[in-house]
Amino acid sequence: MKDIQSQIDHRRINIKKVGVKDISYPITVLDKEKKVQRTVANVNMYVDLPHRFKGTHMSRFIEILNRFHEGINLKNFHLILEEMKDRLDAQEAHMELEFPYFLRNIKKSSAIGTSEYNCRMHGLLDSGDDFILEVKVPISPPVPDQESKALPRSLGHWGDATICLRFKNFVWIEDLIQQVEEVIKQSSTSAPRSSLSVENIAKALGNKLSNLSDIMWFSLMVENFSEGYSTFASLEWPENWNRNSTGKSSAYFGDGPRI
C-alpha cells in the first residue's frame, strides 16, 4: 500500500499546525506535599507540515502518547516532543496539557477540604526548548475570622488571576499559587471589596513575581467578573522578551524535581 501522506506535494504550501486535540489522558504531576499527584489532562499535540509532504499520519500522535502512558511529566515532555519531531519529520513540535490541580486547604476557616486550580503546560521544541506553565488562581476576598463553629460565610468569587511563566529553575506549582494568594489577600484586606481594582492587584502581583529569581519571564491577567461584562488588567515582564535572545531554554528540562 502506498504511503500517500509522505508523497511529495508539488503545491509548495506549508501548513503551520497539524495534529490532534482534546485527548483526555491520565498524567502525573509533582506534588510538594504528597510527592506525586495523579490527574487527567486535556491534551493537544501538533507539528508543522513541510510543503514537501501531502499530510501527516495522525495515528502516530496517539502512538507516541501511549508509549508514555501515565508517565507524562516534565522530564518526558521533552522526550515526547523529540519523538514527535523525529517520527513526523517536522521542524517544530508542540504539546499542550490542561488539567485540574488540587491542594489541601489548611485554613481553619475553610469548610472545603481541597482547592482546585486550573493549570496548563505548553511545550515547544524547534531549534531549542521552550516551556510555559500557566496557573489560574481564583480571587475571593478573605473570609473574616469567626469565633462561632457555624459554617463560614462565603464572600463569593470576585475574579481570577492567570499567571503564565517561563522559569530558570524549577518552580513548585504550590509555591506559585501561595505567592499569588498572599498578594491577593494583602490587596483584599487593605481595601474594602467595593474598592478592589484589577489594576492594583495586577501591579502588586507584577512587583512580587518580578523579584523571584527563579522566574525568567511572566505575563499575568487579573479579571473581575461583573454583571453583563468583565474588567481586566494585564502586564508582561520583562517587556518585549524574546526567548531566542536568551539561548536555548534547556533549564526547563535539566536536572532537578519534575512537574
C-alpha atoms as a PDB file:
ATOM      1  CA  MET A   1       0.000   0.000   0.000  1.00  0.00           C
ATOM      2  CA  LYS A   2       1.350   3.408  -0.973  1.00  0.00           C
ATOM      3  CA  ASP A   3       2.174   5.873   1.790  1.00  0.00           C
ATOM      4  CA  ILE A   4       0.136   8.772   0.398  1.00  0.00           C
ATOM      5  CA  GLN A   5       0.859  11.091   3.330  1.00  0.00           C
ATOM      6  CA  SER A   6       4.620  11.100   2.748  1.00  0.00           C
ATOM      7  CA  GLN A   7       4.459  11.574  -1.009  1.00  0.00           C
ATOM      8  CA  ILE A   8       5.901  14.747  -2.476  1.00  0.00           C
ATOM      9  CA  ASP A   9       3.457  17.659  -2.687  1.00  0.00           C
ATOM     10  CA  HIS A  10       4.281  19.983  -5.578  1.00  0.00           C
ATOM     11  CA  ARG A  11       1.964  22.798  -4.425  1.00  0.00           C
ATOM     12  CA  ARG A  12       4.701  24.036  -2.032  1.00  0.00           C
ATOM     13  CA  ILE A  13       2.271  25.252   0.634  1.00  0.00           C
ATOM     14  CA  ASN A  14       3.376  24.971   4.272  1.00  0.00           C
ATOM     15  CA  ILE A  15       0.830  24.162   6.980  1.00  0.00           C
ATOM     16  CA  LYS A  16       1.683  25.791  10.298  1.00  0.00           C
ATOM     17  CA  LYS A  17      -0.151  23.352  12.579  1.00  0.00           C
ATOM     18  CA  VAL A  18      -1.497  19.861  12.058  1.00  0.00           C
ATOM     19  CA  GLY A  19      -2.285  17.352  14.781  1.00  0.00           C
ATOM     20  CA  VAL A  20      -4.803  16.007  17.266  1.00  0.00           C
ATOM     21  CA  LYS A  21      -6.630  17.789  20.087  1.00  0.00           C
ATOM     22  CA  ASP A  22      -8.943  17.314  23.061  1.00  0.00           C
ATOM     23  CA  ILE A  23      -7.500  13.959  24.121  1.00  0.00           C
ATOM     24  CA  SER A  24      -8.463  13.057  27.696  1.00  0.00           C
ATOM     25  CA  TYR A  25      -5.409  11.383  29.217  1.00  0.00           C
ATOM     26  CA  PRO A  26      -4.027  10.467  32.696  1.00  0.00           C
ATOM     27  CA  ILE A  27      -0.866  12.290  33.765  1.00  0.00           C
ATOM     28  CA  THR A  28       1.247  12.661  36.911  1.00  0.00           C
ATOM     29  CA  VAL A  29       2.321  15.981  38.385  1.00  0.00           C
ATOM     30  CA  LEU A  30       4.773  16.637  41.154  1.00  0.00           C
ATOM     31  CA  ASP A  31       3.090  17.395  44.485  1.00  0.00           C
ATOM     32  CA  LYS A  32       5.203  19.175  47.089  1.00  0.00           C
ATOM     33  CA  GLU A  33       3.342  17.539  49.981  1.00  0.00           C
ATOM     34  CA  LYS A  34       2.465  14.111  48.572  1.00  0.00           C
ATOM     35  CA  LYS A  35       5.330  13.839  46.040  1.00  0.00           C
ATOM     36  CA  VAL A  36       3.013  12.768  43.192  1.00  0.00           C
ATOM     37  CA  GLN A  37      -0.499  13.777  42.213  1.00  0.00           C
ATOM     38  CA  ARG A  38      -2.456  11.936  39.552  1.00  0.00           C
ATOM     39  CA  THR A  39      -4.878  13.889  37.450  1.00  0.00           C
ATOM     40  CA  VAL A  40      -6.484  13.839  33.994  1.00  0.00           C
ATOM     41  CA  ALA A  41      -5.384  16.277  31.295  1.00  0.00           C
ATOM     42  CA  ASN A  42      -6.844  17.543  28.074  1.00  0.00           C
ATOM     43  CA  VAL A  43      -4.019  17.044  25.563  1.00  0.00           C
ATOM     44  CA  ASN A  44      -3.287  18.764  22.232  1.00  0.00           C
ATOM     45  CA  MET A  45      -0.365  17.599  20.059  1.00  0.00           C
ATOM     46  CA  TYR A  46       0.643  19.220  16.775  1.00  0.00           C
ATOM     47  CA  VAL A  47       3.549  19.837  14.413  1.00  0.00           C
ATOM     48  CA  ASP A  48       4.261  21.938  11.367  1.00  0.00           C
ATOM     49  CA  LEU A  49       3.799  20.249   7.980  1.00  0.00           C
ATOM     50  CA  PRO A  50       6.592  20.994   5.482  1.00  0.00           C
ATOM     51  CA  HIS A  51       5.355  21.836   1.992  1.00  0.00           C
ATOM     52  CA  ARG A  52       7.033  18.753   0.535  1.00  0.00           C
ATOM     53  CA  PHE A  53       4.591  16.363   2.301  1.00  0.00           C
ATOM     54  CA  LYS A  54       0.952  15.822   1.416  1.00  0.00           C
ATOM     55  CA  GLY A  55      -0.086  15.089   5.000  1.00  0.00           C
ATOM     56  CA  THR A  56       0.730  13.645   8.421  1.00  0.00           C
ATOM     57  CA  HIS A  57      -0.020  10.249   9.940  1.00  0.00           C
ATOM     58  CA  MET A  58      -2.396  11.362  12.695  1.00  0.00           C
ATOM     59  CA  SER A  59      -2.316   7.946  14.381  1.00  0.00           C
ATOM     60  CA  ARG A  60       1.363   8.481  15.220  1.00  0.00           C
ATOM     61  CA  PHE A  61       0.460  11.194  17.725  1.00  0.00           C
ATOM     62  CA  ILE A  62      -1.623   8.684  19.684  1.00  0.00           C
ATOM     63  CA  GLU A  63       1.064   6.013  19.374  1.00  0.00           C
ATOM     64  CA  ILE A  64       3.652   8.376  20.835  1.00  0.00           C
ATOM     65  CA  LEU A  65       1.318   9.387  23.656  1.00  0.00           C
ATOM     66  CA  ASN A  66       0.578   5.755  24.501  1.00  0.00           C
ATOM     67  CA  ARG A  67       4.285   4.977  24.797  1.00  0.00           C
ATOM     68  CA  PHE A  68       4.404   7.300  27.805  1.00  0.00           C
ATOM     69  CA  HIS A  69       1.130   6.048  29.304  1.00  0.00           C
ATOM     70  CA  GLU A  70       0.588   7.502  32.813  1.00  0.00           C
ATOM     71  CA  GLY A  71       4.206   8.654  32.820  1.00  0.00           C
ATOM     72  CA  ILE A  72       3.721  12.077  31.298  1.00  0.00           C
ATOM     73  CA  ASN A  73       5.690  14.664  33.286  1.00  0.00           C
ATOM     74  CA  LEU A  74       8.098  17.489  32.571  1.00  0.00           C
ATOM     75  CA  LYS A  75      11.036  15.139  32.054  1.00  0.00           C
ATOM     76  CA  ASN A  76       9.132  13.082  29.486  1.00  0.00           C
ATOM     77  CA  PHE A  77       7.608  16.230  27.978  1.00  0.00           C
ATOM     78  CA  HIS A  78      10.851  16.852  26.137  1.00  0.00           C
ATOM     79  CA  LEU A  79      11.186  13.214  25.051  1.00  0.00           C
ATOM     80  CA  ILE A  80       7.674  13.239  23.602  1.00  0.00           C
ATOM     81  CA  LEU A  81       8.416  16.421  21.640  1.00  0.00           C
ATOM     82  CA  GLU A  82      11.649  14.920  20.313  1.00  0.00           C
ATOM     83  CA  GLU A  83       9.854  11.808  19.125  1.00  0.00           C
ATOM     84  CA  MET A  84       7.118  13.886  17.501  1.00  0.00           C
ATOM     85  CA  LYS A  85       9.722  15.849  15.534  1.00  0.00           C
ATOM     86  CA  ASP A  86      11.602  12.728  14.526  1.00  0.00           C
ATOM     87  CA  ARG A  87       8.735  10.429  13.553  1.00  0.00           C
ATOM     88  CA  LEU A  88       6.725  13.143  11.803  1.00  0.00           C
ATOM     89  CA  ASP A  89       9.783  14.747  10.159  1.00  0.00           C
ATOM     90  CA  ALA A  90       8.780  18.183  11.458  1.00  0.00           C
ATOM     91  CA  GLN A  91      10.764  21.342  12.151  1.00  0.00           C
ATOM     92  CA  GLU A  92       8.840  22.061  15.342  1.00  0.00           C
ATOM     93  CA  ALA A  93       6.598  20.123  17.710  1.00  0.00           C
ATOM     94  CA  HIS A  94       4.087  21.327  20.289  1.00  0.00           C
ATOM     95  CA  MET A  95       2.232  19.685  23.149  1.00  0.00           C
ATOM     96  CA  GLU A  96      -0.325  21.316  25.435  1.00  0.00           C
ATOM     97  CA  LEU A  97      -1.714  19.873  28.657  1.00  0.00           C
ATOM     98  CA  GLU A  98      -4.610  21.420  30.564  1.00  0.00           C
ATOM     99  CA  PHE A  99      -5.525  19.844  33.878  1.00  0.00           C
ATOM    100  CA  PRO A 100      -7.005  20.472  37.335  1.00  0.00           C
ATOM    101  CA  TYR A 101      -4.538  20.616  40.215  1.00  0.00           C
ATOM    102  CA  PHE A 102      -5.747  20.081  43.772  1.00  0.00           C
ATOM    103  CA  LEU A 103      -4.291  21.452  47.005  1.00  0.00           C
ATOM    104  CA  ARG A 104      -5.320  20.582  50.527  1.00  0.00           C
ATOM    105  CA  ASN A 105      -6.821  23.644  52.149  1.00  0.00           C
ATOM    106  CA  ILE A 106      -5.264  24.054  55.587  1.00  0.00           C
ATOM    107  CA  LYS A 107      -7.108  27.244  56.502  1.00  0.00           C
ATOM    108  CA  LYS A 108      -9.163  26.673  59.634  1.00  0.00           C
ATOM    109  CA  SER A 109     -11.958  28.872  58.346  1.00  0.00           C
ATOM    110  CA  SER A 110     -12.453  26.835  55.190  1.00  0.00           C
ATOM    111  CA  ALA A 111     -15.271  24.321  55.005  1.00  0.00           C
ATOM    112  CA  ILE A 112     -13.841  22.739  51.853  1.00  0.00           C
ATOM    113  CA  GLY A 113     -11.010  20.242  52.214  1.00  0.00           C
ATOM    114  CA  THR A 114      -9.302  20.943  48.877  1.00  0.00           C
ATOM    115  CA  SER A 115      -8.996  23.800  46.420  1.00  0.00           C
ATOM    116  CA  GLU A 116      -8.893  23.292  42.651  1.00  0.00           C
ATOM    117  CA  TYR A 117      -6.669  25.271  40.283  1.00  0.00           C
ATOM    118  CA  ASN A 118      -6.759  25.114  36.512  1.00  0.00           C
ATOM    119  CA  CYS A 119      -3.239  24.610  35.090  1.00  0.00           C
ATOM    120  CA  ARG A 120      -1.825  24.468  31.603  1.00  0.00           C
ATOM    121  CA  MET A 121       1.570  23.488  30.200  1.00  0.00           C
ATOM    122  CA  HIS A 122       2.776  24.290  26.697  1.00  0.00           C
ATOM    123  CA  GLY A 123       5.997  22.781  25.389  1.00  0.00           C
ATOM    124  CA  LEU A 124       7.663  23.710  22.095  1.00  0.00           C
ATOM    125  CA  LEU A 125      10.685  22.078  20.505  1.00  0.00           C
ATOM    126  CA  ASP A 126      12.220  23.619  17.389  1.00  0.00           C
ATOM    127  CA  SER A 127      15.887  24.639  17.331  1.00  0.00           C
ATOM    128  CA  GLY A 128      15.642  24.923  21.130  1.00  0.00           C
ATOM    129  CA  ASP A 129      13.325  24.149  24.018  1.00  0.00           C
ATOM    130  CA  ASP A 130      10.567  26.367  25.317  1.00  0.00           C
ATOM    131  CA  PHE A 131       8.170  25.644  28.143  1.00  0.00           C
ATOM    132  CA  ILE A 132       5.381  27.767  29.626  1.00  0.00           C
ATOM    133  CA  LEU A 133       3.454  26.992  32.800  1.00  0.00           C
ATOM    134  CA  GLU A 134       0.083  28.667  33.310  1.00  0.00           C
ATOM    135  CA  VAL A 135      -1.898  28.665  36.556  1.00  0.00           C
ATOM    136  CA  LYS A 136      -5.295  30.273  37.148  1.00  0.00           C
ATOM    137  CA  VAL A 137      -5.885  31.329  40.763  1.00  0.00           C
ATOM    138  CA  PRO A 138      -9.415  32.299  41.877  1.00  0.00           C
ATOM    139  CA  ILE A 139      -9.732  35.658  43.625  1.00  0.00           C
ATOM    140  CA  SER A 140     -12.101  35.762  46.594  1.00  0.00           C
ATOM    141  CA  PRO A 141     -11.890  38.320  49.409  1.00  0.00           C
ATOM    142  CA  PRO A 142     -10.782  36.528  52.584  1.00  0.00           C
ATOM    143  CA  VAL A 143     -13.497  35.349  54.923  1.00  0.00           C
ATOM    144  CA  PRO A 144     -13.425  37.294  58.208  1.00  0.00           C
ATOM    145  CA  ASP A 145     -12.392  35.336  61.299  1.00  0.00           C
ATOM    146  CA  GLN A 146     -15.370  33.832  63.062  1.00  0.00           C
ATOM    147  CA  GLU A 147     -15.451  32.621  66.627  1.00  0.00           C
ATOM    148  CA  SER A 148     -18.590  30.543  66.168  1.00  0.00           C
ATOM    149  CA  LYS A 149     -18.422  26.997  64.891  1.00  0.00           C
ATOM    150  CA  ALA A 150     -21.019  27.673  62.202  1.00  0.00           C
ATOM    151  CA  LEU A 151     -20.089  27.293  58.542  1.00  0.00           C
ATOM    152  CA  PRO A 152     -18.105  30.330  57.335  1.00  0.00           C
ATOM    153  CA  ARG A 153     -19.927  32.879  55.246  1.00  0.00           C
ATOM    154  CA  SER A 154     -18.732  32.938  51.645  1.00  0.00           C
ATOM    155  CA  LEU A 155     -17.903  36.308  50.114  1.00  0.00           C
ATOM    156  CA  GLY A 156     -18.078  34.927  46.595  1.00  0.00           C
ATOM    157  CA  HIS A 157     -15.815  34.590  43.578  1.00  0.00           C
ATOM    158  CA  TRP A 158     -14.582  38.094  42.687  1.00  0.00           C
ATOM    159  CA  GLY A 159     -12.444  37.082  39.709  1.00  0.00           C
ATOM    160  CA  ASP A 160      -9.298  35.240  38.567  1.00  0.00           C
ATOM    161  CA  ALA A 161      -5.561  35.862  38.303  1.00  0.00           C
ATOM    162  CA  THR A 162      -3.951  33.957  35.420  1.00  0.00           C
ATOM    163  CA  ILE A 163      -0.162  33.647  35.573  1.00  0.00           C
ATOM    164  CA  CYS A 164       1.999  32.392  32.662  1.00  0.00           C
ATOM    165  CA  LEU A 165       5.714  31.937  33.259  1.00  0.00           C
ATOM    166  CA  ARG A 166       8.991  30.623  31.951  1.00  0.00           C
ATOM    167  CA  PHE A 167      11.440  29.690  34.693  1.00  0.00           C
ATOM    168  CA  LYS A 168      15.201  29.479  35.079  1.00  0.00           C
ATOM    169  CA  ASN A 169      14.995  26.896  37.855  1.00  0.00           C
ATOM    170  CA  PHE A 170      12.260  24.550  38.939  1.00  0.00           C
ATOM    171  CA  VAL A 171       9.176  26.250  40.393  1.00  0.00           C
ATOM    172  CA  TRP A 172       6.649  24.352  42.501  1.00  0.00           C
ATOM    173  CA  ILE A 173       3.050  24.890  41.436  1.00  0.00           C
ATOM    174  CA  GLU A 174       2.139  25.143  45.132  1.00  0.00           C
ATOM    175  CA  ASP A 175       4.717  27.870  45.763  1.00  0.00           C
ATOM    176  CA  LEU A 176       3.485  29.900  42.806  1.00  0.00           C
ATOM    177  CA  ILE A 177      -0.116  29.627  43.992  1.00  0.00           C
ATOM    178  CA  GLN A 178       0.929  30.633  47.518  1.00  0.00           C
ATOM    179  CA  GLN A 179       2.769  33.726  46.243  1.00  0.00           C
ATOM    180  CA  VAL A 180      -0.268  34.806  44.234  1.00  0.00           C
ATOM    181  CA  GLU A 181      -2.726  34.172  47.068  1.00  0.00           C
ATOM    182  CA  GLU A 182      -0.598  36.154  49.533  1.00  0.00           C
ATOM    183  CA  VAL A 183      -0.669  39.185  47.242  1.00  0.00           C
ATOM    184  CA  ILE A 184      -4.414  38.814  46.685  1.00  0.00           C
ATOM    185  CA  LYS A 185      -5.031  38.563  50.433  1.00  0.00           C
ATOM    186  CA  GLN A 186      -2.958  41.678  51.147  1.00  0.00           C
ATOM    187  CA  SER A 187      -4.747  43.607  48.396  1.00  0.00           C
ATOM    188  CA  SER A 188      -8.144  42.453  49.662  1.00  0.00           C
ATOM    189  CA  THR A 189      -7.531  43.287  53.305  1.00  0.00           C
ATOM    190  CA  SER A 190      -6.068  46.720  52.569  1.00  0.00           C
ATOM    191  CA  ALA A 191      -9.188  47.835  50.723  1.00  0.00           C
ATOM    192  CA  PRO A 192     -12.902  47.093  51.033  1.00  0.00           C
ATOM    193  CA  ARG A 193     -14.403  44.715  48.489  1.00  0.00           C
ATOM    194  CA  SER A 194     -16.035  47.587  46.609  1.00  0.00           C
ATOM    195  CA  SER A 195     -12.637  49.287  46.214  1.00  0.00           C
ATOM    196  CA  LEU A 196     -10.710  46.326  44.824  1.00  0.00           C
ATOM    197  CA  SER A 197      -9.380  47.017  41.323  1.00  0.00           C
ATOM    198  CA  VAL A 198      -7.809  44.822  38.669  1.00  0.00           C
ATOM    199  CA  GLU A 199      -5.101  47.449  38.178  1.00  0.00           C
ATOM    200  CA  ASN A 200      -3.906  47.408  41.794  1.00  0.00           C
ATOM    201  CA  ILE A 201      -3.878  43.619  42.048  1.00  0.00           C
ATOM    202  CA  ALA A 202      -2.035  43.288  38.714  1.00  0.00           C
ATOM    203  CA  LYS A 203       0.635  45.791  39.792  1.00  0.00           C
ATOM    204  CA  ALA A 204       1.077  44.086  43.170  1.00  0.00           C
ATOM    205  CA  LEU A 205       1.416  40.670  41.522  1.00  0.00           C
ATOM    206  CA  GLY A 206       3.848  42.038  38.937  1.00  0.00           C
ATOM    207  CA  ASN A 207       6.026  43.534  41.680  1.00  0.00           C
ATOM    208  CA  LYS A 208       6.012  40.239  43.613  1.00  0.00           C
ATOM    209  CA  LEU A 209       6.823  37.948  40.687  1.00  0.00           C
ATOM    210  CA  SER A 210       9.495  40.191  39.177  1.00  0.00           C
ATOM    211  CA  ASN A 211      11.514  39.805  42.385  1.00  0.00           C
ATOM    212  CA  LEU A 212      11.546  35.994  42.252  1.00  0.00           C
ATOM    213  CA  SER A 213      14.955  34.899  40.955  1.00  0.00           C
ATOM    214  CA  ASP A 214      13.741  31.558  39.533  1.00  0.00           C
ATOM    215  CA  ILE A 215      11.396  33.232  37.038  1.00  0.00           C
ATOM    216  CA  MET A 216      12.777  34.215  33.626  1.00  0.00           C
ATOM    217  CA  TRP A 217       9.611  35.731  32.146  1.00  0.00           C
ATOM    218  CA  PHE A 218       5.961  36.035  33.068  1.00  0.00           C
ATOM    219  CA  SER A 219       2.705  37.509  31.892  1.00  0.00           C
ATOM    220  CA  LEU A 220      -0.395  37.902  34.002  1.00  0.00           C
ATOM    221  CA  MET A 221      -4.007  38.928  33.673  1.00  0.00           C
ATOM    222  CA  VAL A 222      -6.315  39.860  36.517  1.00  0.00           C
ATOM    223  CA  GLU A 223     -10.011  39.667  35.694  1.00  0.00           C
ATOM    224  CA  ASN A 224     -13.017  40.860  37.697  1.00  0.00           C
ATOM    225  CA  PHE A 225     -16.413  39.378  36.975  1.00  0.00           C
ATOM    226  CA  SER A 226     -19.325  41.748  36.767  1.00  0.00           C
ATOM    227  CA  GLU A 227     -22.920  41.572  35.647  1.00  0.00           C
ATOM    228  CA  GLY A 228     -23.007  41.740  31.861  1.00  0.00           C
ATOM    229  CA  TYR A 229     -19.258  42.346  31.421  1.00  0.00           C
ATOM    230  CA  SER A 230     -15.828  41.802  32.951  1.00  0.00           C
ATOM    231  CA  THR A 231     -12.916  44.133  33.595  1.00  0.00           C
ATOM    232  CA  PHE A 232      -9.268  43.126  33.330  1.00  0.00           C
ATOM    233  CA  ALA A 233      -5.680  44.325  33.576  1.00  0.00           C
ATOM    234  CA  SER A 234      -2.646  42.566  32.123  1.00  0.00           C
ATOM    235  CA  LEU A 235       1.115  43.008  32.052  1.00  0.00           C
ATOM    236  CA  GLU A 236       4.277  41.236  30.920  1.00  0.00           C
ATOM    237  CA  TRP A 237       7.768  41.164  32.440  1.00  0.00           C
ATOM    238  CA  PRO A 238      10.255  41.814  31.052  1.00  0.00           C
ATOM    239  CA  GLU A 239       8.558  43.670  28.223  1.00  0.00           C
ATOM    240  CA  ASN A 240       9.370  42.618  24.637  1.00  0.00           C
ATOM    241  CA  TRP A 241      11.089  39.476  25.912  1.00  0.00           C
ATOM    242  CA  ASN A 242      12.457  37.205  23.172  1.00  0.00           C
ATOM    243  CA  ARG A 243      13.335  33.625  24.050  1.00  0.00           C
ATOM    244  CA  ASN A 244      15.790  33.420  21.114  1.00  0.00           C
ATOM    245  CA  SER A 245      17.906  36.169  22.635  1.00  0.00           C
ATOM    246  CA  THR A 246      18.468  34.136  25.796  1.00  0.00           C
ATOM    247  CA  GLY A 247      19.568  30.927  24.107  1.00  0.00           C
ATOM    248  CA  LYS A 248      18.004  27.507  24.425  1.00  0.00           C
ATOM    249  CA  SER A 249      15.619  27.001  27.281  1.00  0.00           C
ATOM    250  CA  SER A 250      17.278  23.770  28.333  1.00  0.00           C
ATOM    251  CA  ALA A 251      16.931  24.678  32.003  1.00  0.00           C
ATOM    252  CA  TYR A 252      13.312  23.594  31.797  1.00  0.00           C
ATOM    253  CA  PHE A 253      14.355  20.011  31.190  1.00  0.00           C
ATOM    254  CA  GLY A 254      17.516  19.902  33.255  1.00  0.00           C
ATOM    255  CA  ASP A 255      18.258  18.028  36.456  1.00  0.00           C
ATOM    256  CA  GLY A 256      16.051  18.514  39.497  1.00  0.00           C
ATOM    257  CA  PRO A 257      12.438  17.927  40.501  1.00  0.00           C
ATOM    258  CA  ARG A 258       9.934  17.313  37.762  1.00  0.00           C
ATOM    259  CA  ILE A 259       6.441  18.571  37.318  1.00  0.00           C
END
